[in-house]
Amino acid sequence: MDNRFLLIIALAIIGFMIAQAWQLENRKVPPAPGQPPATATAPTELPEAPAVEAPVPTAPSSVTPVTPTVSEAASTDTKRGTRIEVLTDLFDAVIDTTGGGLRVVKLRKHAVAVDTDFFQAAPAPALRPRFKLLTDETKNLYVTQSGLIGTGGPYPNHKTEYTASNNRYVLADSKDELKVPLRWQSDGVQYTKVYTFRRDAYVIDIEYLVENNSSQTWQGHLYRQFRRNYVESKGGFLTRLPTFTGGAIYTPEDKFDKIPFSEMAEEPLELDVTGGWVAMLQQFFVSAWLPPPEQPNRYYTNALEGNRYTIGLKQLQPTTIAPGNSGRLATTLYVGPKERDRLERLAPGMVLTRDYGWLTFISAPLFWLLEYIHQWVRNWGWAIIVLTLSIKLVFYPLSAASYRSMAHMKRMQPRLQSLKERMGHDKQRFNQAMMELYKKEKINPLGGCLPIAIQIPVFIALYWVLLESVEMRQAPFILWYMDLSVRDPYFVLPLIMGASMFVQQKLSPAQLDPMQRRIMSALPIVFTVFFLFFPAGLVLYWVVNNILSIAQQWQITRMIAAKAK
């Protein structure tokens, strides 16, 4: 293969990494605290209620002034009442009686981090700090809020002071379901907000049971939203991951759409949708509100003071309950990891929250194959190695053609060097003579480019698989490799990768041009520096691929050299 093409591929990879870093550095920044954008009206704490008269109104109408102002909203996010502890097989959760929202969710099967110190024993999985997905800490605020709104008297919203029978609820070993009721009443109407947790489920059902003991017909709308504080971290050029943190919606018409926080600040969303879902995304984890498929809702976003953002939905058609009757308003909440199997069962489009970018059509089947291999080898590191072997076997004929072409070109190096010495001053004449030599010897200088070109999208697709597949998070391999989704703590694999690139260059035909030769000789060093910060699983793939390529290239070169004697 022509080394110039290899140089182009190398520069393409470097350009890809630089472009990602540039996008992170230059993405739009939301307005500073206390400075809402001029194009947006001052957001309110609660969504407006739709007009009662219209079954599906096109726009909300004004309601009685029961919603707080922006400044009040910012001050009440961390107000606390009685804390209710909820323990299940998957959650350590906290519900607050002030507002009745989920204020803390720790995931019992996901640790904060894995200790990668090879020389010190890591704590047992049960003793590691659990990953906190939701929290009402002021700096990292990320909570759920829900309630009822309408055009009449007071309704229970996310500022309401509920009462609870107990301060601690535990899912018993003999039970598959745990209910946590919260109560509040006003004007003859009794409200019970019920959380239902289930075994081995990150899905939480939330329902409002309304007993209308008044003399008036009750009408109300259910709303639910996420409130999150977000300030983008400032990392280094290579250490900042390009994963997305922000909002997302899914509609049956337009499918999956990400909504960055900067977009929430520039132009609040208002969109009427039947079905679908709204979510808050981050690397490996997602929280989503999932309404009934047949229910019309208004999706909305808001940007508040203090770098706080809201994404949610409100029911458009009112629920009506006659005097003396009772009714319910229900919704579903998902709070957990982006596990493919769970997301596929959850709702249409939820699996798209595993954001593999523009190479999803490669990344998705690549992960499926990795997962299938993992079922047999029970180790994600070995699964990556077997995957690499499988890819090499599939493309073995193409690779063999590539290395035969390179071996023939290497054999022609002395003759090319002679042409260079005689005609180097006339580039046009030299290139013409070189192509005639290739034609005479039946060598295609670009014949071996395809296998390398195919590797690049596979490489990038696997990069996104490692960044977005929670199954790879904290996946151990051997020795100190306790998490294949983060960089090698001792940089051993990147150094091996750099050495393997150097060996490959020695097996390849050298560039005749001194400048190109110097550039090519610097590539192993440049790539080693970049790979220092790549996920260890990705570097493992590249190292195994290089080693297999070296073995195949060495054998083919040896065979062709023997035939030439």
Protein backbone atom coordinates (compact mmCIF):
# COMPACT_ATOMS: atom_id res chain seq x y z
CA MET A 1 0.00 0.00 0.00
CA ASP A 2 1.22 3.53 -0.79
CA ASN A 3 2.44 5.13 2.42
CA ARG A 4 0.93 8.39 1.27
CA PHE A 5 -2.49 6.83 1.69
CA LEU A 6 -1.54 5.62 5.16
CA LEU A 7 -0.54 9.19 5.96
CA ILE A 8 -3.92 10.43 4.77
CA ILE A 9 -5.69 7.87 6.98
CA ALA A 10 -3.53 8.84 9.97
CA LEU A 11 -4.25 12.51 9.43
CA ALA A 12 -7.95 11.69 9.08
CA ILE A 13 -7.97 10.06 12.54
CA ILE A 14 -6.07 12.96 14.06
CA GLY A 15 -8.41 15.38 12.32
CA PHE A 16 -11.39 13.50 13.74
CA MET A 17 -10.03 13.84 17.27
CA ILE A 18 -9.14 17.51 16.78
CA ALA A 19 -12.62 18.24 15.37
CA GLN A 20 -14.24 16.67 18.43
CA ALA A 21 -12.07 18.76 20.73
CA TRP A 22 -12.87 21.89 18.71
CA GLN A 23 -16.60 21.21 18.98
CA LEU A 24 -16.29 20.89 22.75
CA GLU A 25 -14.34 24.12 22.99
CA ASN A 26 -16.67 26.09 20.73
CA ARG A 27 -20.10 24.79 21.62
CA LYS A 28 -22.54 27.53 22.54
CA VAL A 29 -22.45 28.48 26.21
CA PRO A 30 -25.72 29.22 28.02
CA PRO A 31 -26.16 32.78 29.33
CA ALA A 32 -24.60 33.71 32.64
CA PRO A 33 -26.62 33.30 35.86
CA GLY A 34 -29.27 35.97 36.24
CA GLN A 35 -29.14 36.93 32.54
CA PRO A 36 -31.91 35.13 30.65
CA PRO A 37 -31.76 35.48 26.87
CA ALA A 38 -33.50 38.51 25.40
CA THR A 39 -35.63 36.36 23.10
CA ALA A 40 -37.12 34.26 25.90
CA THR A 41 -39.87 35.35 28.22
CA ALA A 42 -39.29 34.90 31.91
CA PRO A 43 -40.02 31.22 32.60
CA THR A 44 -42.35 30.14 35.34
CA GLU A 45 -41.80 27.45 37.92
CA LEU A 46 -44.80 25.37 36.82
CA PRO A 47 -46.17 24.93 33.32
CA GLU A 48 -49.41 26.71 32.55
CA ALA A 49 -52.62 24.74 32.56
CA PRO A 50 -54.34 24.24 29.22
CA ALA A 51 -57.72 25.85 28.68
CA VAL A 52 -60.47 23.74 30.21
CA GLU A 53 -62.94 24.38 27.38
CA ALA A 54 -60.80 22.97 24.54
CA PRO A 55 -60.15 19.18 24.47
CA VAL A 56 -56.73 19.64 22.84
CA PRO A 57 -55.86 23.35 22.88
CA THR A 58 -53.22 24.65 20.55
CA ALA A 59 -51.78 26.97 23.20
CA PRO A 60 -52.04 27.23 26.97
CA SER A 61 -54.22 29.96 28.43
CA SER A 62 -53.55 32.09 31.47
CA VAL A 63 -54.41 30.62 34.83
CA THR A 64 -54.79 32.00 38.29
CA PRO A 65 -51.43 33.23 39.65
CA VAL A 66 -50.47 30.12 41.63
CA THR A 67 -47.06 29.67 40.00
CA PRO A 68 -43.97 31.14 41.64
CA THR A 69 -41.64 33.62 39.99
CA VAL A 70 -38.21 32.71 38.62
CA SER A 71 -36.38 33.90 41.72
CA GLU A 72 -38.71 31.92 43.97
CA ALA A 73 -38.20 28.87 41.81
CA ALA A 74 -34.43 28.97 42.24
CA SER A 75 -34.72 29.32 46.00
CA THR A 76 -37.12 26.41 46.51
CA ASP A 77 -35.30 23.71 44.56
CA THR A 78 -33.29 22.61 47.59
CA LYS A 79 -35.92 23.24 50.27
CA ARG A 80 -36.32 20.12 52.34
CA GLY A 81 -39.11 18.55 54.30
CA THR A 82 -39.19 15.07 55.81
CA ARG A 83 -36.85 12.71 54.01
CA ILE A 84 -38.32 9.32 53.12
CA GLU A 85 -35.75 6.59 52.48
CA VAL A 86 -36.64 3.94 49.91
CA LEU A 87 -34.47 0.82 49.54
CA THR A 88 -34.93 -1.72 46.75
CA ASP A 89 -32.66 -4.23 45.05
CA LEU A 90 -31.55 -1.49 42.59
CA PHE A 91 -32.14 1.84 44.34
CA ASP A 92 -31.14 3.75 47.42
CA ALA A 93 -33.64 6.56 46.94
CA VAL A 94 -34.91 9.56 48.87
CA ILE A 95 -38.34 11.15 48.42
CA ASP A 96 -38.99 14.51 50.08
CA THR A 97 -42.40 15.32 51.54
CA THR A 98 -41.89 18.88 50.27
CA GLY A 99 -43.09 18.47 46.71
CA GLY A 100 -43.05 14.68 46.82
CA GLY A 101 -40.25 14.45 44.25
CA LEU A 102 -37.35 12.03 43.93
CA ARG A 103 -34.47 13.98 45.44
CA VAL A 104 -31.75 11.32 45.58
CA VAL A 105 -31.27 8.12 43.60
CA LYS A 106 -28.19 5.96 44.11
CA LEU A 107 -27.79 2.96 41.84
CA ARG A 108 -26.83 -0.06 43.91
CA LYS A 109 -25.30 -2.00 40.99
CA HIS A 110 -23.12 0.88 39.77
CA ALA A 111 -20.17 2.19 41.76
CA VAL A 112 -18.83 5.74 41.52
CA ALA A 113 -15.47 4.51 40.27
CA VAL A 114 -13.26 1.43 40.25
CA ASP A 115 -9.98 1.51 42.10
CA THR A 116 -7.36 0.89 39.41
CA ASP A 117 -4.36 0.69 41.76
CA PHE A 118 -2.86 -2.69 40.86
CA PHE A 119 -0.71 -2.68 43.99
CA GLN A 120 -3.57 -2.15 46.41
CA ALA A 121 -6.55 -4.44 46.82
CA ALA A 122 -9.76 -2.82 45.60
CA PRO A 123 -12.74 -2.80 47.97
CA ALA A 124 -15.46 -5.38 47.49
CA PRO A 125 -18.20 -4.26 45.08
CA ALA A 126 -20.72 -3.98 47.92
CA LEU A 127 -18.43 -1.55 49.78
CA ARG A 128 -17.78 0.83 46.89
CA PRO A 129 -19.65 4.17 46.94
CA ARG A 130 -22.76 3.88 44.82
CA PHE A 131 -23.25 6.07 41.79
CA LYS A 132 -25.60 8.95 42.56
CA LEU A 133 -27.71 9.71 39.49
CA LEU A 134 -30.18 12.12 41.13
CA THR A 135 -29.25 14.54 43.89
CA ASP A 136 -30.59 17.73 45.49
CA GLU A 137 -27.15 19.03 46.37
CA THR A 138 -27.18 22.69 45.37
CA LYS A 139 -24.10 22.50 43.14
CA ASN A 140 -25.16 19.32 41.30
CA LEU A 141 -28.94 19.64 41.50
CA TYR A 142 -30.73 17.00 39.42
CA VAL A 143 -34.20 16.03 40.65
CA THR A 144 -37.64 15.00 39.46
CA GLN A 145 -40.68 17.20 39.99
CA SER A 146 -44.31 16.45 39.28
CA GLY A 147 -47.75 17.62 40.28
CA LEU A 148 -51.23 18.65 39.24
CA ILE A 149 -52.35 22.00 37.85
CA GLY A 150 -55.67 23.49 36.90
CA THR A 151 -57.80 26.62 36.76
CA GLY A 152 -59.47 26.29 40.15
CA GLY A 153 -58.21 26.31 43.71
CA PRO A 154 -54.95 24.88 45.03
CA TYR A 155 -53.55 21.75 43.45
CA PRO A 156 -50.68 19.59 44.75
CA ASN A 157 -47.53 20.69 42.93
CA HIS A 158 -43.83 20.20 43.59
CA LYS A 159 -43.93 22.70 46.48
CA THR A 160 -46.79 21.02 48.33
CA GLU A 161 -46.19 19.72 51.86
CA TYR A 162 -47.28 16.08 51.82
CA THR A 163 -47.59 13.72 54.77
CA ALA A 164 -46.34 10.13 54.90
CA SER A 165 -47.02 7.21 57.23
CA ASN A 166 -43.37 6.11 57.42
CA ASN A 167 -39.91 7.57 56.91
CA ARG A 168 -38.40 4.35 55.57
CA TYR A 169 -39.63 1.79 53.04
CA VAL A 170 -37.75 -1.40 52.17
CA LEU A 171 -38.55 -3.91 49.43
CA ALA A 172 -38.79 -7.20 51.30
CA ASP A 173 -37.07 -10.27 49.93
CA SER A 174 -40.43 -12.01 49.59
CA LYS A 175 -42.03 -9.13 47.69
CA ASP A 176 -41.73 -7.95 44.08
CA GLU A 177 -43.38 -4.58 44.60
CA LEU A 178 -43.09 -1.66 46.99
CA LYS A 179 -45.56 1.24 47.26
CA VAL A 180 -44.80 4.60 48.89
CA PRO A 181 -47.93 6.79 49.42
CA LEU A 182 -47.91 10.54 50.12
CA ARG A 183 -51.09 12.40 51.11
CA TRP A 184 -52.48 15.91 50.93
CA GLN A 185 -55.99 17.39 50.92
CA SER A 186 -57.63 20.71 50.13
CA ASP A 187 -61.19 21.99 49.67
CA GLY A 188 -62.74 18.60 50.20
CA VAL A 189 -60.44 16.81 47.72
CA GLN A 190 -58.11 14.08 48.98
CA TYR A 191 -54.89 13.51 46.99
CA THR A 192 -52.64 10.46 47.31
CA LYS A 193 -49.39 10.43 45.34
CA VAL A 194 -48.18 6.84 45.08
CA TYR A 195 -44.71 5.67 43.98
CA THR A 196 -44.51 2.03 42.91
CA PHE A 197 -41.07 0.39 42.81
CA ARG A 198 -40.60 -3.13 41.43
CA ARG A 199 -37.89 -5.74 41.76
CA ASP A 200 -35.20 -5.69 39.08
CA ALA A 201 -36.73 -2.60 37.47
CA TYR A 202 -35.44 0.93 36.98
CA VAL A 203 -38.99 1.87 36.01
CA ILE A 204 -41.02 3.70 38.67
CA ASP A 205 -44.77 4.16 38.34
CA ILE A 206 -46.21 7.38 39.76
CA GLU A 207 -49.93 7.96 40.11
CA TYR A 208 -52.17 10.57 41.70
CA LEU A 209 -55.33 9.14 43.26
CA VAL A 210 -57.93 11.91 43.52
CA GLU A 211 -61.02 11.51 45.75
CA ASN A 212 -63.42 14.35 45.01
CA ASN A 213 -65.50 14.75 48.15
CA SER A 214 -66.39 18.34 47.27
CA SER A 215 -69.57 19.60 45.62
CA GLN A 216 -67.73 20.78 42.49
CA THR A 217 -66.51 18.88 39.46
CA TRP A 218 -62.74 18.50 39.66
CA GLN A 219 -60.56 19.09 36.61
CA GLY A 220 -56.79 18.87 36.52
CA HIS A 221 -53.71 18.24 34.42
CA LEU A 222 -50.65 16.19 35.31
CA TYR A 223 -47.19 17.66 34.71
CA ARG A 224 -43.77 16.11 35.27
CA GLN A 225 -40.31 17.50 34.72
CA PHE A 226 -36.60 17.23 35.45
CA ARG A 227 -34.77 20.12 37.05
CA ARG A 228 -30.99 20.15 36.63
CA ASN A 229 -28.10 22.41 37.41
CA TYR A 230 -25.36 22.21 34.79
CA VAL A 231 -22.05 23.98 34.34
CA GLU A 232 -19.85 22.48 31.66
CA SER A 233 -16.53 21.24 33.02
CA LYS A 234 -13.36 22.65 31.52
CA GLY A 235 -11.03 19.78 30.78
CA GLY A 236 -7.95 19.47 28.66
CA PHE A 237 -7.81 19.26 24.87
CA LEU A 238 -7.69 15.47 24.91
CA THR A 239 -9.19 14.58 28.28
CA ARG A 240 -12.68 15.98 27.72
CA LEU A 241 -15.01 13.32 26.39
CA PRO A 242 -17.36 14.31 23.57
CA THR A 243 -20.36 12.60 25.18
CA PHE A 244 -23.63 14.53 25.35
CA THR A 245 -25.20 15.85 28.54
CA GLY A 246 -28.57 17.56 28.12
CA GLY A 247 -32.19 17.03 27.26
CA ALA A 248 -33.81 14.83 24.62
CA ILE A 249 -37.29 14.20 23.28
CA TYR A 250 -38.82 11.50 21.13
CA THR A 251 -41.92 12.04 19.04
CA PRO A 252 -43.64 9.54 16.74
CA GLU A 253 -43.30 12.05 13.87
CA ASP A 254 -39.76 13.44 14.21
CA LYS A 255 -38.22 10.60 16.26
CA PHE A 256 -35.18 11.26 18.47
CA ASP A 257 -33.91 14.82 19.02
CA LYS A 258 -31.25 16.02 21.45
CA ILE A 259 -31.75 19.44 23.11
CA PRO A 260 -28.54 21.02 24.47
CA PHE A 261 -28.76 23.31 27.48
CA SER A 262 -27.65 26.21 25.29
CA GLU A 263 -30.69 25.59 23.09
CA MET A 264 -32.96 25.61 26.14
CA ALA A 265 -31.52 29.00 27.07
CA GLU A 266 -31.87 30.47 23.57
CA GLU A 267 -35.40 29.35 22.77
CA PRO A 268 -37.67 27.47 25.20
CA LEU A 269 -39.38 24.47 23.64
CA GLU A 270 -43.17 24.20 23.33
CA LEU A 271 -44.37 21.23 21.32
CA ASP A 272 -47.65 19.32 21.41
CA VAL A 273 -47.07 15.58 21.11
CA THR A 274 -49.16 12.43 21.47
CA GLY A 275 -47.09 9.71 23.09
CA GLY A 276 -43.30 9.88 22.90
CA TRP A 277 -41.13 10.74 25.89
CA VAL A 278 -38.79 13.38 27.34
CA ALA A 279 -35.44 12.62 28.94
CA MET A 280 -32.30 13.98 30.53
CA LEU A 281 -29.15 12.34 29.18
CA GLN A 282 -25.57 11.90 30.30
CA GLN A 283 -22.83 9.38 29.65
CA PHE A 284 -24.03 5.83 30.48
CA PHE A 285 -27.25 6.94 32.28
CA VAL A 286 -30.66 8.39 31.46
CA SER A 287 -33.78 9.60 33.22
CA ALA A 288 -37.01 9.73 31.22
CA TRP A 289 -40.69 10.55 31.66
CA LEU A 290 -42.84 8.18 29.60
CA PRO A 291 -46.51 9.18 29.23
CA PRO A 292 -49.19 6.76 28.00
CA PRO A 293 -48.84 6.31 24.20
CA GLU A 294 -52.30 7.71 23.51
CA GLN A 295 -52.00 10.77 25.77
CA PRO A 296 -51.52 14.27 24.24
CA ASN A 297 -48.95 16.35 26.12
CA ARG A 298 -47.10 19.60 25.71
CA TYR A 299 -43.32 19.14 25.83
CA TYR A 300 -41.46 22.15 27.19
CA THR A 301 -38.08 23.40 28.33
CA ASN A 302 -37.02 26.38 30.41
CA ALA A 303 -33.76 27.99 31.48
CA LEU A 304 -33.76 29.45 34.98
CA GLU A 305 -31.35 31.42 37.10
CA GLY A 306 -28.20 29.80 38.43
CA ASN A 307 -27.53 27.57 35.38
CA ARG A 308 -30.68 25.55 36.08
CA TYR A 309 -32.70 23.96 33.34
CA THR A 310 -36.06 22.26 33.12
CA ILE A 311 -37.40 19.77 30.61
CA GLY A 312 -40.79 18.20 31.03
CA LEU A 313 -44.30 17.63 29.74
CA LYS A 314 -47.82 18.47 30.82
CA GLN A 315 -51.09 16.76 30.05
CA LEU A 316 -53.20 18.74 27.57
CA GLN A 317 -56.60 17.11 27.97
CA PRO A 318 -58.00 17.63 31.49
CA THR A 319 -58.97 14.73 33.71
CA THR A 320 -62.50 15.30 35.03
CA ILE A 321 -63.87 13.80 38.24
CA ALA A 322 -67.47 14.33 39.26
CA PRO A 323 -68.43 15.15 42.91
CA GLY A 324 -68.36 12.05 45.09
CA ASN A 325 -66.22 10.10 42.61
CA SER A 326 -62.54 9.28 42.40
CA GLY A 327 -60.00 9.06 39.58
CA ARG A 328 -56.33 8.67 38.82
CA LEU A 329 -53.64 10.37 36.79
CA ALA A 330 -50.59 8.21 36.10
CA THR A 331 -47.18 8.36 34.50
CA THR A 332 -44.00 6.29 34.25
CA LEU A 333 -40.45 7.30 35.18
CA TYR A 334 -37.19 5.60 34.21
CA VAL A 335 -34.06 6.37 36.23
CA GLY A 336 -31.10 4.16 35.48
CA PRO A 337 -28.38 2.93 33.15
CA LYS A 338 -28.60 2.85 29.35
CA GLU A 339 -28.74 -0.94 29.22
CA ARG A 340 -29.75 -1.92 25.70
CA ASP A 341 -32.12 -4.74 26.62
CA ARG A 342 -34.01 -2.62 29.16
CA LEU A 343 -34.29 0.38 26.85
CA GLU A 344 -35.59 -1.71 23.93
CA ARG A 345 -38.37 -3.08 26.15
CA LEU A 346 -39.16 0.30 27.67
CA ALA A 347 -40.51 2.42 24.80
CA PRO A 348 -39.99 3.04 21.08
CA GLY A 349 -36.84 5.04 20.48
CA MET A 350 -35.44 4.77 24.02
CA VAL A 351 -32.49 2.73 22.77
CA LEU A 352 -31.42 5.82 20.79
CA THR A 353 -30.36 7.45 24.05
CA ARG A 354 -27.25 5.29 23.61
CA ASP A 355 -25.93 7.97 21.31
CA TYR A 356 -23.43 6.39 18.91
CA GLY A 357 -23.42 9.44 16.65
CA TRP A 358 -23.34 9.26 12.85
CA LEU A 359 -21.87 5.74 12.85
CA THR A 360 -24.80 4.16 14.71
CA PHE A 361 -25.39 1.81 11.75
CA ILE A 362 -21.94 0.31 12.50
CA SER A 363 -21.79 0.81 16.28
CA ALA A 364 -25.14 -0.88 17.03
CA PRO A 365 -24.36 -4.21 15.27
CA LEU A 366 -20.79 -3.99 16.59
CA PHE A 367 -22.08 -3.89 20.16
CA TRP A 368 -24.55 -6.69 19.40
CA LEU A 369 -21.64 -8.87 18.22
CA LEU A 370 -19.54 -7.89 21.24
CA GLU A 371 -22.39 -8.75 23.58
CA TYR A 372 -22.90 -12.10 21.87
CA ILE A 373 -19.20 -12.94 22.23
CA HIS A 374 -19.29 -11.78 25.86
CA GLN A 375 -21.98 -14.35 26.63
CA TRP A 376 -19.39 -17.03 25.85
CA VAL A 377 -16.13 -15.57 27.17
CA ARG A 378 -17.62 -13.66 30.16
CA ASN A 379 -15.01 -10.90 29.90
CA TRP A 380 -15.34 -7.73 27.84
CA GLY A 381 -11.58 -7.51 27.24
CA TRP A 382 -11.45 -11.01 25.75
CA ALA A 383 -14.64 -10.20 23.84
CA ILE A 384 -12.84 -7.25 22.20
CA ILE A 385 -9.92 -9.54 21.31
CA VAL A 386 -12.24 -12.16 19.78
CA LEU A 387 -14.09 -9.40 17.92
CA THR A 388 -10.79 -8.15 16.48
CA LEU A 389 -9.89 -11.68 15.37
CA SER A 390 -13.32 -12.03 13.74
CA ILE A 391 -12.93 -8.77 11.83
CA LYS A 392 -9.46 -9.82 10.66
CA LEU A 393 -10.82 -13.17 9.46
CA VAL A 394 -13.66 -11.53 7.54
CA PHE A 395 -11.30 -9.19 5.76
CA TYR A 396 -8.43 -11.66 5.46
CA PRO A 397 -8.56 -11.85 1.62
CA LEU A 398 -8.49 -8.06 1.33
CA SER A 399 -5.70 -7.80 3.89
CA ALA A 400 -3.68 -10.45 2.08
CA ALA A 401 -4.03 -8.52 -1.18
CA SER A 402 -2.94 -5.37 0.65
CA TYR A 403 0.18 -6.95 2.13
CA ARG A 404 1.10 -8.65 -1.15
CA SER A 405 0.96 -5.24 -2.81
CA MET A 406 3.14 -3.76 -0.07
CA ALA A 407 5.61 -6.64 -0.31
CA HIS A 408 5.97 -6.18 -4.07
CA MET A 409 6.44 -2.45 -3.60
CA LYS A 410 9.09 -3.10 -0.96
CA ARG A 411 10.84 -5.42 -3.44
CA MET A 412 10.81 -2.60 -5.99
CA GLN A 413 12.40 -0.11 -3.59
CA PRO A 414 15.96 -0.42 -4.99
CA ARG A 415 14.74 0.14 -8.55
CA LEU A 416 12.56 3.06 -7.46
CA GLN A 417 15.53 4.55 -5.63
CA SER A 418 17.57 4.25 -8.82
CA LEU A 419 14.86 6.05 -10.77
CA LYS A 420 14.77 8.72 -8.07
CA GLU A 421 18.50 9.33 -8.38
CA ARG A 422 18.35 9.58 -12.19
CA MET A 423 15.08 11.52 -12.59
CA GLY A 424 14.37 13.06 -9.19
CA HIS A 425 14.91 16.56 -10.56
CA ASP A 426 12.02 16.05 -13.02
CA LYS A 427 9.00 14.99 -10.94
CA GLN A 428 6.68 14.50 -13.90
CA ARG A 429 9.15 12.22 -15.66
CA PHE A 430 9.92 10.35 -12.43
CA ASN A 431 6.22 9.73 -11.68
CA GLN A 432 5.63 8.54 -15.24
CA ALA A 433 8.57 6.13 -15.01
CA MET A 434 7.40 4.88 -11.61
CA MET A 435 3.88 4.16 -12.91
CA GLU A 436 5.33 2.33 -15.93
CA LEU A 437 7.38 0.18 -13.57
CA TYR A 438 4.28 -0.58 -11.48
CA LYS A 439 2.39 -1.51 -14.65
CA LYS A 440 5.19 -3.73 -15.91
CA GLU A 441 5.45 -5.57 -12.58
CA LYS A 442 1.61 -5.70 -12.26
CA ILE A 443 1.63 -3.78 -8.99
CA ASN A 444 -1.35 -1.65 -7.97
CA PRO A 445 -0.04 0.97 -5.50
CA LEU A 446 -3.57 1.56 -4.22
CA GLY A 447 -4.55 -2.09 -4.18
CA GLY A 448 -4.07 -2.45 -0.45
CA CYS A 449 -5.89 0.68 0.67
CA LEU A 450 -9.33 -0.83 1.20
CA PRO A 451 -8.55 -2.90 4.35
CA ILE A 452 -7.05 0.16 6.06
CA ALA A 453 -9.95 2.35 4.95
CA ILE A 454 -12.43 -0.17 6.40
CA GLN A 455 -10.62 -0.12 9.74
CA ILE A 456 -11.23 3.59 10.29
CA PRO A 457 -15.05 3.55 10.60
CA VAL A 458 -14.82 0.37 12.71
CA PHE A 459 -12.28 2.11 14.95
CA ILE A 460 -14.49 5.19 15.39
CA ALA A 461 -17.63 3.07 15.86
CA LEU A 462 -15.94 1.04 18.61
CA TYR A 463 -14.81 4.31 20.20
CA TRP A 464 -18.47 5.35 20.57
CA VAL A 465 -19.48 1.90 21.76
CA LEU A 466 -16.99 2.20 24.63
CA LEU A 467 -18.11 5.75 25.44
CA GLU A 468 -21.86 5.06 25.39
CA SER A 469 -22.38 1.40 26.38
CA VAL A 470 -22.90 1.20 30.12
CA GLU A 471 -22.19 -2.53 29.90
CA MET A 472 -18.54 -1.55 29.27
CA ARG A 473 -18.46 0.83 32.24
CA GLN A 474 -16.18 -0.58 34.93
CA ALA A 475 -15.75 -3.77 32.89
CA PRO A 476 -12.57 -5.53 34.10
CA PHE A 477 -10.07 -7.31 31.88
CA ILE A 478 -6.82 -8.52 33.47
CA LEU A 479 -4.22 -7.13 35.88
CA TRP A 480 -4.88 -3.43 36.55
CA TYR A 481 -7.45 -3.09 33.76
CA MET A 482 -10.52 -2.71 35.95
CA ASP A 483 -12.44 -0.40 33.60
CA LEU A 484 -12.10 -0.71 29.83
CA SER A 485 -14.12 2.49 29.27
CA VAL A 486 -11.39 4.74 30.73
CA ARG A 487 -7.73 5.25 29.88
CA ASP A 488 -5.00 2.81 30.83
CA PRO A 489 -3.81 4.05 34.26
CA TYR A 490 -0.21 3.01 33.54
CA PHE A 491 -0.22 3.74 29.76
CA VAL A 492 1.11 0.25 28.94
CA LEU A 493 -1.27 -0.46 26.05
CA PRO A 494 -0.66 2.90 24.31
CA LEU A 495 3.10 2.29 24.46
CA ILE A 496 2.67 -1.20 23.01
CA MET A 497 0.46 0.31 20.32
CA GLY A 498 3.17 2.85 19.43
CA ALA A 499 5.80 0.11 19.26
CA SER A 500 3.56 -1.99 17.01
CA MET A 501 3.11 0.95 14.62
CA PHE A 502 6.90 1.35 14.49
CA VAL A 503 7.31 -2.34 13.59
CA GLN A 504 4.64 -2.02 10.88
CA GLN A 505 6.53 0.87 9.34
CA LYS A 506 9.69 -1.22 9.15
CA LEU A 507 7.78 -3.91 7.24
CA SER A 508 6.31 -1.35 4.83
CA PRO A 509 8.07 0.23 1.83
CA ALA A 510 9.86 3.41 2.86
CA GLN A 511 8.98 6.77 1.38
CA LEU A 512 11.43 8.07 -1.20
CA ASP A 513 10.72 11.68 -0.30
CA PRO A 514 12.74 12.69 2.82
CA MET A 515 10.01 14.98 4.17
CA GLN A 516 7.31 12.29 3.89
CA ARG A 517 9.70 9.79 5.45
CA ARG A 518 10.20 12.05 8.48
CA ILE A 519 6.47 12.59 8.83
CA MET A 520 5.78 8.85 8.68
CA SER A 521 8.46 8.11 11.26
CA ALA A 522 6.82 10.61 13.63
CA LEU A 523 3.35 9.05 13.39
CA PRO A 524 3.94 6.28 16.00
CA ILE A 525 4.90 8.98 18.52
CA VAL A 526 1.93 11.20 17.61
CA PHE A 527 -0.52 8.31 17.82
CA THR A 528 0.92 7.13 21.12
CA VAL A 529 0.31 10.58 22.63
CA PHE A 530 -3.30 10.60 21.41
CA PHE A 531 -3.96 7.03 22.53
CA LEU A 532 -2.75 7.78 26.06
CA PHE A 533 -6.19 9.30 26.72
CA PHE A 534 -8.36 6.86 24.77
CA PRO A 535 -10.46 4.18 26.51
CA ALA A 536 -8.33 1.13 27.28
CA GLY A 537 -10.75 -1.13 25.39
CA LEU A 538 -10.24 0.87 22.21
CA VAL A 539 -6.45 0.76 22.55
CA LEU A 540 -6.71 -2.99 23.18
CA TYR A 541 -8.58 -3.38 19.88
CA TRP A 542 -5.95 -1.38 18.00
CA VAL A 543 -3.02 -3.25 19.62
CA VAL A 544 -4.47 -6.69 18.80
CA ASN A 545 -5.30 -5.55 15.27
CA ASN A 546 -1.72 -4.27 14.79
CA ILE A 547 -0.16 -7.47 16.12
CA LEU A 548 -2.29 -9.61 13.81
CA SER A 549 -1.48 -7.31 10.89
CA ILE A 550 2.25 -7.52 11.64
CA ALA A 551 2.12 -11.33 11.69
CA GLN A 552 0.18 -11.47 8.43
CA GLN A 553 2.35 -8.85 6.73
CA TRP A 554 5.61 -10.51 7.86
CA GLN A 555 4.52 -13.90 6.59
CA ILE A 556 3.38 -12.60 3.18
CA THR A 557 6.51 -10.47 2.75
CA ARG A 558 8.68 -13.49 3.62
CA MET A 559 6.86 -15.69 1.09
CA ILE A 560 7.15 -13.16 -1.74
CA ALA A 561 10.83 -12.53 -0.98
CA ALA A 562 11.48 -16.30 -1.13
CA LYS A 563 9.76 -16.59 -4.52
CA ALA A 564 11.81 -13.70 -5.90
CA LYS A 565 15.10 -15.48 -5.18
